[in-house]
């Protein structure tokens, strides 16, 4: 399955996401990725070519262009895309700088508000949750994202640090489609962590309706 990846912004140049997903494709055959890191000439019509989109960029056009790329028209396009039966996986910065985009914010089920200085973050898969599989807690050095979330999220992952506990992964269904959010993922080591790779893979399979 071909997956469109929208990645890279001022604070997240893209190497972490690309390295992590390229490793995932080697370990778990079945997904191939097409990459877009500059939204200057991107068209919402491109969405129709893909059953799943990964959003791992904030509302920056690119790593060097701070202008927002999301417009009300693009927000509506994403909502229609999911409602019509497609999948959206938002990872880390894919939840950032969208607080003033109400349609996209509602589609995601929550947005980033702030993070303390990078620290040890324990990622806690919730027992019995489908996407967690049989994974136990693991600790990474990361940005601990604090989130403003909406009701109706099915939380399967918590993140815990000295600063508190936050929802770290959840799913939502909109119309015929599916949305999943994973908040860890600032550093390459997080994306490459074997347990996080399993969570990424499960999240992709879920939004792709493979289980």
C-alpha atoms as a PDB file:
ATOM      1  CA  UNK A   1       0.000   0.000   0.000  1.00  0.00           C
ATOM      2  CA  UNK A   2       1.303   3.418  -0.964  1.00  0.00           C
ATOM      3  CA  UNK A   3       1.127   6.048   1.770  1.00  0.00           C
ATOM      4  CA  UNK A   4       1.551   9.804   1.359  1.00  0.00           C
ATOM      5  CA  UNK A   5       3.796  11.369   4.023  1.00  0.00           C
ATOM      6  CA  UNK A   6       3.554  15.113   4.667  1.00  0.00           C
ATOM      7  CA  UNK A   7       6.585  15.883   6.799  1.00  0.00           C
ATOM      8  CA  UNK A   8       9.160  18.482   7.823  1.00  0.00           C
ATOM      9  CA  UNK A   9       8.735  21.899   9.424  1.00  0.00           C
ATOM     10  CA  UNK A  10      10.862  24.568  11.097  1.00  0.00           C
ATOM     11  CA  UNK A  11      11.326  22.640  14.341  1.00  0.00           C
ATOM     12  CA  UNK A  12      11.188  19.171  12.749  1.00  0.00           C
ATOM     13  CA  UNK A  13      13.356  19.093   9.583  1.00  0.00           C
ATOM     14  CA  UNK A  14      12.155  15.632   8.635  1.00  0.00           C
ATOM     15  CA  UNK A  15      15.120  13.290   9.036  1.00  0.00           C
ATOM     16  CA  UNK A  16      13.610  11.642  12.104  1.00  0.00           C
ATOM     17  CA  UNK A  17      10.310  10.794  10.449  1.00  0.00           C
ATOM     18  CA  UNK A  18      11.878   9.710   7.191  1.00  0.00           C
ATOM     19  CA  UNK A  19      14.454   7.502   8.882  1.00  0.00           C
ATOM     20  CA  UNK A  20      11.833   5.907  11.092  1.00  0.00           C
ATOM     21  CA  UNK A  21       9.399   5.166   8.293  1.00  0.00           C
ATOM     22  CA  UNK A  22      12.105   3.868   5.973  1.00  0.00           C
ATOM     23  CA  UNK A  23      13.142   1.464   8.731  1.00  0.00           C
ATOM     24  CA  UNK A  24       9.529   0.442   9.238  1.00  0.00           C
ATOM     25  CA  UNK A  25       9.185  -0.355   5.522  1.00  0.00           C
ATOM     26  CA  UNK A  26      12.207  -2.659   5.765  1.00  0.00           C
ATOM     27  CA  UNK A  27      11.015  -4.424   8.893  1.00  0.00           C
ATOM     28  CA  UNK A  28       7.333  -4.694   8.018  1.00  0.00           C
ATOM     29  CA  UNK A  29       6.814  -5.082   4.263  1.00  0.00           C
ATOM     30  CA  UNK A  30       3.499  -3.920   2.919  1.00  0.00           C
ATOM     31  CA  UNK A  31       3.748  -0.142   3.060  1.00  0.00           C
ATOM     32  CA  UNK A  32       5.596   2.139   0.634  1.00  0.00           C
ATOM     33  CA  UNK A  33       5.961   5.853   1.237  1.00  0.00           C
ATOM     34  CA  UNK A  34       5.842   8.919  -1.007  1.00  0.00           C
ATOM     35  CA  UNK A  35       7.291  12.048   0.551  1.00  0.00           C
ATOM     36  CA  UNK A  36       6.270  15.720   0.450  1.00  0.00           C
ATOM     37  CA  UNK A  37       8.251  18.174   2.592  1.00  0.00           C
ATOM     38  CA  UNK A  38       7.323  21.453   0.851  1.00  0.00           C
ATOM     39  CA  UNK A  39       3.640  22.288   0.540  1.00  0.00           C
ATOM     40  CA  UNK A  40       4.159  25.310  -1.733  1.00  0.00           C
ATOM     41  CA  UNK A  41       2.795  23.576  -4.815  1.00  0.00           C
ATOM     42  CA  UNK A  42       0.866  20.776  -3.150  1.00  0.00           C
ATOM     43  CA  UNK A  43      -2.707  20.233  -4.265  1.00  0.00           C
ATOM     44  CA  UNK A  44      -5.523  18.779  -2.193  1.00  0.00           C
ATOM     45  CA  UNK A  45      -6.457  16.691  -5.214  1.00  0.00           C
ATOM     46  CA  UNK A  46      -3.347  14.596  -4.489  1.00  0.00           C
ATOM     47  CA  UNK A  47      -5.184  13.048  -1.551  1.00  0.00           C
ATOM     48  CA  UNK A  48      -7.326  10.978  -3.900  1.00  0.00           C
ATOM     49  CA  UNK A  49      -4.267   8.982  -4.990  1.00  0.00           C
ATOM     50  CA  UNK A  50      -3.647   7.489  -1.538  1.00  0.00           C
ATOM     51  CA  UNK A  51      -5.663   5.325   0.861  1.00  0.00           C
ATOM     52  CA  UNK A  52      -3.659   6.634   3.850  1.00  0.00           C
ATOM     53  CA  UNK A  53      -1.878   9.898   4.683  1.00  0.00           C
ATOM     54  CA  UNK A  54       0.680  10.405   7.445  1.00  0.00           C
ATOM     55  CA  UNK A  55       0.762  13.981   8.732  1.00  0.00           C
ATOM     56  CA  UNK A  56       3.978  14.688  10.625  1.00  0.00           C
ATOM     57  CA  UNK A  57       4.500  18.383  10.018  1.00  0.00           C
ATOM     58  CA  UNK A  58       3.214  21.465  11.783  1.00  0.00           C
ATOM     59  CA  UNK A  59       1.498  24.308   9.979  1.00  0.00           C
ATOM     60  CA  UNK A  60       4.728  25.417   8.249  1.00  0.00           C
ATOM     61  CA  UNK A  61       4.945  25.209   4.483  1.00  0.00           C
ATOM     62  CA  UNK A  62       8.411  23.647   4.807  1.00  0.00           C
ATOM     63  CA  UNK A  63      11.426  23.573   7.117  1.00  0.00           C
ATOM     64  CA  UNK A  64      12.527  26.938   5.735  1.00  0.00           C
ATOM     65  CA  UNK A  65       9.151  28.553   4.974  1.00  0.00           C
ATOM     66  CA  UNK A  66       7.210  29.516   8.099  1.00  0.00           C
ATOM     67  CA  UNK A  67       4.059  30.536   6.247  1.00  0.00           C
ATOM     68  CA  UNK A  68       1.028  28.340   7.071  1.00  0.00           C
ATOM     69  CA  UNK A  69       0.023  25.778   4.466  1.00  0.00           C
ATOM     70  CA  UNK A  70      -3.417  24.923   5.850  1.00  0.00           C
ATOM     71  CA  UNK A  71      -6.396  26.890   4.543  1.00  0.00           C
ATOM     72  CA  UNK A  72     -10.102  26.351   5.278  1.00  0.00           C
ATOM     73  CA  UNK A  73     -10.361  24.649   1.888  1.00  0.00           C
ATOM     74  CA  UNK A  74      -7.545  22.224   2.768  1.00  0.00           C
ATOM     75  CA  UNK A  75      -9.137  21.513   6.154  1.00  0.00           C
ATOM     76  CA  UNK A  76     -12.387  20.602   4.441  1.00  0.00           C
ATOM     77  CA  UNK A  77     -10.511  18.430   1.955  1.00  0.00           C
ATOM     78  CA  UNK A  78      -8.967  16.405   4.783  1.00  0.00           C
ATOM     79  CA  UNK A  79     -12.302  16.017   6.540  1.00  0.00           C
ATOM     80  CA  UNK A  80     -13.934  14.788   3.327  1.00  0.00           C
ATOM     81  CA  UNK A  81     -10.985  12.508   2.623  1.00  0.00           C
ATOM     82  CA  UNK A  82     -11.408  10.722   5.951  1.00  0.00           C
ATOM     83  CA  UNK A  83     -15.200  10.741   5.908  1.00  0.00           C
ATOM     84  CA  UNK A  84     -15.179   9.015   2.531  1.00  0.00           C
ATOM     85  CA  UNK A  85     -13.277   6.058   3.950  1.00  0.00           C
ATOM     86  CA  UNK A  86      -9.576   6.917   3.990  1.00  0.00           C
ATOM     87  CA  UNK A  87      -7.054   6.871   6.823  1.00  0.00           C
ATOM     88  CA  UNK A  88      -5.100   9.670   8.520  1.00  0.00           C
ATOM     89  CA  UNK A  89      -2.217   9.081  10.940  1.00  0.00           C
ATOM     90  CA  UNK A  90      -0.900  12.194  12.702  1.00  0.00           C
ATOM     91  CA  UNK A  91       2.448  11.817  14.445  1.00  0.00           C
ATOM     92  CA  UNK A  92       4.072  14.327  16.836  1.00  0.00           C
ATOM     93  CA  UNK A  93       4.314  17.652  14.972  1.00  0.00           C
ATOM     94  CA  UNK A  94       1.284  16.607  12.925  1.00  0.00           C
ATOM     95  CA  UNK A  95      -0.692  17.974  15.890  1.00  0.00           C
ATOM     96  CA  UNK A  96       1.243  21.259  16.266  1.00  0.00           C
ATOM     97  CA  UNK A  97       0.182  24.792  15.283  1.00  0.00           C
ATOM     98  CA  UNK A  98      -3.332  23.709  14.311  1.00  0.00           C
ATOM     99  CA  UNK A  99      -5.176  25.202  17.304  1.00  0.00           C
ATOM    100  CA  UNK A 100      -6.650  27.909  15.048  1.00  0.00           C
ATOM    101  CA  UNK A 101      -7.794  25.427  12.392  1.00  0.00           C
ATOM    102  CA  UNK A 102     -11.093  24.214  13.876  1.00  0.00           C
ATOM    103  CA  UNK A 103     -11.993  21.645  11.226  1.00  0.00           C
ATOM    104  CA  UNK A 104      -8.604  19.944  11.262  1.00  0.00           C
ATOM    105  CA  UNK A 105      -8.447  20.211  15.030  1.00  0.00           C
ATOM    106  CA  UNK A 106     -11.791  18.456  15.313  1.00  0.00           C
ATOM    107  CA  UNK A 107     -10.749  15.787  12.839  1.00  0.00           C
ATOM    108  CA  UNK A 108      -7.590  15.010  14.832  1.00  0.00           C
ATOM    109  CA  UNK A 109      -9.390  15.046  18.162  1.00  0.00           C
ATOM    110  CA  UNK A 110      -6.790  17.256  19.788  1.00  0.00           C
ATOM    111  CA  UNK A 111      -3.799  19.504  19.263  1.00  0.00           C
ATOM    112  CA  UNK A 112      -0.431  20.204  20.856  1.00  0.00           C
ATOM    113  CA  UNK A 113      -0.350  23.015  23.406  1.00  0.00           C
ATOM    114  CA  UNK A 114       3.212  23.013  24.802  1.00  0.00           C
ATOM    115  CA  UNK A 115       6.098  20.849  25.934  1.00  0.00           C
ATOM    116  CA  UNK A 116       8.682  21.237  28.712  1.00  0.00           C
ATOM    117  CA  UNK A 117      12.377  20.796  27.992  1.00  0.00           C
ATOM    118  CA  UNK A 118      13.204  17.396  26.548  1.00  0.00           C
ATOM    119  CA  UNK A 119      13.261  14.728  29.222  1.00  0.00           C
ATOM    120  CA  UNK A 120      12.774  11.031  29.805  1.00  0.00           C
ATOM    121  CA  UNK A 121       9.254  10.126  28.731  1.00  0.00           C
ATOM    122  CA  UNK A 122       7.751   6.745  29.545  1.00  0.00           C
ATOM    123  CA  UNK A 123       5.361   5.558  26.865  1.00  0.00           C
ATOM    124  CA  UNK A 124       2.683   3.336  28.390  1.00  0.00           C
ATOM    125  CA  UNK A 125       0.590   1.172  26.035  1.00  0.00           C
ATOM    126  CA  UNK A 126      -2.743   0.443  27.665  1.00  0.00           C
ATOM    127  CA  UNK A 127      -3.433  -3.205  28.426  1.00  0.00           C
ATOM    128  CA  UNK A 128      -6.105  -4.742  26.248  1.00  0.00           C
ATOM    129  CA  UNK A 129      -6.095  -1.992  23.635  1.00  0.00           C
ATOM    130  CA  UNK A 130      -5.862  -3.340  20.079  1.00  0.00           C
ATOM    131  CA  UNK A 131      -3.130  -1.008  18.839  1.00  0.00           C
ATOM    132  CA  UNK A 132      -0.982  -1.560  21.911  1.00  0.00           C
ATOM    133  CA  UNK A 133      -0.674  -5.262  21.163  1.00  0.00           C
ATOM    134  CA  UNK A 134       1.367  -6.958  23.849  1.00  0.00           C
ATOM    135  CA  UNK A 135       3.830  -4.099  24.253  1.00  0.00           C
ATOM    136  CA  UNK A 136       4.812  -2.961  27.717  1.00  0.00           C
ATOM    137  CA  UNK A 137       6.021   0.494  28.801  1.00  0.00           C
ATOM    138  CA  UNK A 138       9.271   1.865  27.418  1.00  0.00           C
ATOM    139  CA  UNK A 139      11.201   5.071  28.068  1.00  0.00           C
ATOM    140  CA  UNK A 140      12.640   7.486  25.490  1.00  0.00           C
ATOM    141  CA  UNK A 141      14.277  10.902  25.613  1.00  0.00           C
ATOM    142  CA  UNK A 142      11.776  13.132  23.865  1.00  0.00           C
ATOM    143  CA  UNK A 143       9.580  16.208  23.924  1.00  0.00           C
ATOM    144  CA  UNK A 144       6.692  15.440  26.240  1.00  0.00           C
ATOM    145  CA  UNK A 145       3.733  16.821  24.329  1.00  0.00           C
ATOM    146  CA  UNK A 146       0.895  18.259  26.385  1.00  0.00           C
ATOM    147  CA  UNK A 147      -2.363  18.103  24.466  1.00  0.00           C
ATOM    148  CA  UNK A 148      -5.742  19.814  24.335  1.00  0.00           C
ATOM    149  CA  UNK A 149      -8.035  16.930  23.435  1.00  0.00           C
ATOM    150  CA  UNK A 150     -11.681  16.500  22.507  1.00  0.00           C
ATOM    151  CA  UNK A 151     -14.222  14.028  23.890  1.00  0.00           C
ATOM    152  CA  UNK A 152     -14.621  10.771  22.035  1.00  0.00           C
ATOM    153  CA  UNK A 153     -10.987   9.737  21.668  1.00  0.00           C
ATOM    154  CA  UNK A 154     -10.225   6.051  22.239  1.00  0.00           C
ATOM    155  CA  UNK A 155      -6.924   6.371  24.125  1.00  0.00           C
ATOM    156  CA  UNK A 156      -4.558   3.435  23.791  1.00  0.00           C
ATOM    157  CA  UNK A 157      -1.315   5.120  24.880  1.00  0.00           C
ATOM    158  CA  UNK A 158      -0.272   7.360  27.764  1.00  0.00           C
ATOM    159  CA  UNK A 159       2.944   9.349  28.122  1.00  0.00           C
ATOM    160  CA  UNK A 160       4.424  10.016  31.542  1.00  0.00           C
ATOM    161  CA  UNK A 161       7.321  12.189  32.730  1.00  0.00           C
ATOM    162  CA  UNK A 162       8.303  14.213  35.781  1.00  0.00           C
ATOM    163  CA  UNK A 163       5.934  16.857  34.399  1.00  0.00           C
ATOM    164  CA  UNK A 164       2.778  14.731  34.417  1.00  0.00           C
ATOM    165  CA  UNK A 165       0.708  12.290  32.378  1.00  0.00           C
ATOM    166  CA  UNK A 166      -0.787  12.931  28.963  1.00  0.00           C
ATOM    167  CA  UNK A 167      -2.692  11.010  26.295  1.00  0.00           C
ATOM    168  CA  UNK A 168      -0.021   9.802  23.891  1.00  0.00           C
ATOM    169  CA  UNK A 169      -2.057   7.887  21.340  1.00  0.00           C
ATOM    170  CA  UNK A 170      -5.715   7.693  20.391  1.00  0.00           C
ATOM    171  CA  UNK A 171      -8.062   6.703  17.595  1.00  0.00           C
ATOM    172  CA  UNK A 172     -11.209   8.268  16.158  1.00  0.00           C
ATOM    173  CA  UNK A 173     -13.647   7.329  13.420  1.00  0.00           C
ATOM    174  CA  UNK A 174     -15.189   9.944  11.144  1.00  0.00           C
ATOM    175  CA  UNK A 175     -17.766   8.864   8.616  1.00  0.00           C
ATOM    176  CA  UNK A 176     -16.318   5.829   6.841  1.00  0.00           C
ATOM    177  CA  UNK A 177     -12.704   6.663   7.700  1.00  0.00           C
ATOM    178  CA  UNK A 178     -10.268   6.421  10.561  1.00  0.00           C
ATOM    179  CA  UNK A 179      -7.875   8.797  12.347  1.00  0.00           C
ATOM    180  CA  UNK A 180      -5.031   7.870  14.686  1.00  0.00           C
ATOM    181  CA  UNK A 181      -2.723  10.207  16.631  1.00  0.00           C
ATOM    182  CA  UNK A 182       0.674   9.391  18.177  1.00  0.00           C
ATOM    183  CA  UNK A 183       2.308  12.242  20.107  1.00  0.00           C
ATOM    184  CA  UNK A 184       5.888  10.916  20.696  1.00  0.00           C
ATOM    185  CA  UNK A 185       8.436  11.409  17.942  1.00  0.00           C
ATOM    186  CA  UNK A 186      10.716  14.437  18.132  1.00  0.00           C
ATOM    187  CA  UNK A 187      14.047  12.574  18.060  1.00  0.00           C
ATOM    188  CA  UNK A 188      15.247   9.947  15.574  1.00  0.00           C
ATOM    189  CA  UNK A 189      15.856   7.507  18.414  1.00  0.00           C
ATOM    190  CA  UNK A 190      12.141   7.543  19.226  1.00  0.00           C
ATOM    191  CA  UNK A 191      11.086   6.713  15.668  1.00  0.00           C
ATOM    192  CA  UNK A 192      13.647   3.904  15.560  1.00  0.00           C
ATOM    193  CA  UNK A 193      12.802   2.415  18.940  1.00  0.00           C
ATOM    194  CA  UNK A 194      11.636  -1.161  18.239  1.00  0.00           C
ATOM    195  CA  UNK A 195       8.542  -0.879  20.427  1.00  0.00           C
ATOM    196  CA  UNK A 196       7.583   2.465  18.910  1.00  0.00           C
ATOM    197  CA  UNK A 197       8.033   0.918  15.470  1.00  0.00           C
ATOM    198  CA  UNK A 198       5.430  -1.689  16.402  1.00  0.00           C
ATOM    199  CA  UNK A 199       3.042   1.053  17.527  1.00  0.00           C
ATOM    200  CA  UNK A 200       3.580   2.927  14.253  1.00  0.00           C
ATOM    201  CA  UNK A 201       2.962  -0.226  12.272  1.00  0.00           C
ATOM    202  CA  UNK A 202      -0.208  -1.046  14.204  1.00  0.00           C
ATOM    203  CA  UNK A 203      -1.441   2.525  13.789  1.00  0.00           C
ATOM    204  CA  UNK A 204      -0.861   2.383  10.040  1.00  0.00           C
ATOM    205  CA  UNK A 205      -2.628  -0.941   9.738  1.00  0.00           C
ATOM    206  CA  UNK A 206      -5.559   0.344  11.769  1.00  0.00           C
ATOM    207  CA  UNK A 207      -6.144   3.499   9.724  1.00  0.00           C
ATOM    208  CA  UNK A 208      -5.716   1.375   6.571  1.00  0.00           C
ATOM    209  CA  UNK A 209      -8.483  -0.948   7.864  1.00  0.00           C
ATOM    210  CA  UNK A 210      -6.202  -3.949   7.902  1.00  0.00           C
ATOM    211  CA  UNK A 211      -7.696  -4.921  11.264  1.00  0.00           C
END
